[in-house]
Amino acid sequence: MESNNLSVFNTMPPFKAIIKSALPAIMAMLMVLVCNLADTFFIGQTHDDFQVAAVSLSMPVFMILMALGQIFGIGGASVIARALGKGRGDYVKKVSSFCVWLL
């Protein structure tokens, strides 16, 4: 599996490799947006303004949590890529486990 991930960056042009790597983060953001819209729609049918306001106020919290996840995910991927380039396999294991357990 590691060779497949490395082959993406070795064989593809940089722009395509970045798009392929960023696509899961973009899809996660879109899924959260769609879920929030669905929640707002169905809760809006109750005609209770406080419940709709609660859903609307929770969206920034979700976006902040997603931003933190992407910071450690993308930043960790950058550190891992540099460590792989230097051949530091033990450091890669430490950084990847830190990023996974932090999120």
Protein backbone atom coordinates (compact mmCIF):
# COMPACT_ATOMS: atom_id res chain seq x y z
CA MET A 1 0.00 0.00 0.00
CA GLU A 2 2.87 2.37 0.71
CA SER A 3 4.29 1.85 -2.77
CA ASN A 4 0.91 2.75 -4.28
CA ASN A 5 0.76 6.00 -2.31
CA LEU A 6 4.32 6.86 -3.27
CA SER A 7 3.68 6.06 -6.92
CA VAL A 8 1.00 8.75 -7.04
CA PHE A 9 3.60 11.41 -6.31
CA ASN A 10 6.33 9.77 -8.38
CA THR A 11 4.37 9.21 -11.59
CA MET A 12 1.71 11.93 -11.70
CA PRO A 13 2.24 15.61 -12.41
CA PRO A 14 2.22 17.65 -9.16
CA PHE A 15 -1.13 19.34 -9.84
CA LYS A 16 -2.94 16.03 -10.42
CA ALA A 17 -1.30 14.44 -7.38
CA ILE A 18 -2.39 17.33 -5.17
CA ILE A 19 -5.95 17.18 -6.51
CA LYS A 20 -6.06 13.41 -5.89
CA SER A 21 -4.81 13.92 -2.34
CA ALA A 22 -7.14 16.83 -1.56
CA LEU A 23 -10.28 15.20 -2.94
CA PRO A 24 -11.16 13.28 0.27
CA ALA A 25 -10.96 16.48 2.35
CA ILE A 26 -13.17 18.31 -0.13
CA MET A 27 -15.70 15.47 -0.12
CA ALA A 28 -15.79 15.47 3.69
CA MET A 29 -16.52 19.19 3.74
CA LEU A 30 -19.31 18.76 1.21
CA MET A 31 -20.84 15.90 3.20
CA VAL A 32 -20.92 18.02 6.37
CA LEU A 33 -22.55 20.84 4.40
CA VAL A 34 -25.20 18.53 2.95
CA CYS A 35 -25.92 17.00 6.37
CA ASN A 36 -26.28 20.46 7.91
CA LEU A 37 -28.66 21.53 5.14
CA ALA A 38 -30.74 18.39 5.65
CA ASP A 39 -30.81 18.95 9.41
CA THR A 40 -31.87 22.56 8.94
CA PHE A 41 -34.59 21.55 6.47
CA PHE A 42 -36.12 18.84 8.65
CA ILE A 43 -35.83 20.83 11.88
CA GLY A 44 -37.29 23.84 10.09
CA GLN A 45 -40.45 21.85 9.48
CA THR A 46 -41.08 21.86 13.25
CA HIS A 47 -41.56 25.67 13.04
CA ASP A 48 -39.47 26.14 16.18
CA ASP A 49 -37.06 29.04 15.74
CA PHE A 50 -34.83 28.01 18.64
CA GLN A 51 -34.13 24.58 17.18
CA VAL A 52 -33.23 26.05 13.79
CA ALA A 53 -30.97 28.58 15.50
CA ALA A 54 -29.25 25.77 17.42
CA VAL A 55 -28.49 23.91 14.18
CA SER A 56 -27.23 27.10 12.56
CA LEU A 57 -24.97 27.86 15.52
CA SER A 58 -23.50 24.37 15.52
CA MET A 59 -22.23 24.66 11.93
CA PRO A 60 -19.20 26.84 12.81
CA VAL A 61 -18.24 24.34 15.51
CA PHE A 62 -18.24 21.54 12.95
CA MET A 63 -16.21 23.66 10.52
CA ILE A 64 -13.62 24.49 13.20
CA LEU A 65 -13.27 20.81 14.08
CA MET A 66 -12.88 19.93 10.41
CA ALA A 67 -10.27 22.66 9.98
CA LEU A 68 -8.27 21.29 12.90
CA GLY A 69 -8.50 17.82 11.45
CA GLN A 70 -7.32 19.02 8.07
CA ILE A 71 -4.46 21.01 9.61
CA PHE A 72 -3.09 17.90 11.27
CA GLY A 73 -3.97 15.71 8.32
CA ILE A 74 -2.38 17.87 5.64
CA GLY A 75 0.47 19.05 7.87
CA GLY A 76 1.14 15.50 8.97
CA ALA A 77 1.14 14.35 5.36
CA SER A 78 3.71 17.01 4.53
CA VAL A 79 5.96 15.95 7.40
CA ILE A 80 5.54 12.30 6.44
CA ALA A 81 6.37 13.01 2.79
CA ARG A 82 9.55 14.85 3.75
CA ALA A 83 10.56 12.07 6.13
CA LEU A 84 9.91 9.43 3.46
CA GLY A 85 12.09 11.40 1.08
CA LYS A 86 14.90 11.31 3.63
CA GLY A 87 14.34 7.61 4.33
CA ARG A 88 13.37 8.05 7.99
CA GLY A 89 10.86 5.20 8.37
CA ASP A 90 10.78 5.22 12.17
CA TYR A 91 9.99 8.93 12.26
CA VAL A 92 7.19 8.38 9.72
CA LYS A 93 5.60 5.81 12.02
CA LYS A 94 5.73 8.20 14.98
CA VAL A 95 4.28 11.14 13.06
CA SER A 96 1.52 9.09 11.44
CA SER A 97 0.48 7.54 14.75
CA PHE A 98 0.47 10.99 16.39
CA CYS A 99 -1.76 12.42 13.66
CA VAL A 100 -4.15 9.47 13.78
CA TRP A 101 -4.48 9.46 17.57
CA LEU A 102 -4.78 13.23 17.79
CA LEU A 103 -7.74 13.26 15.46
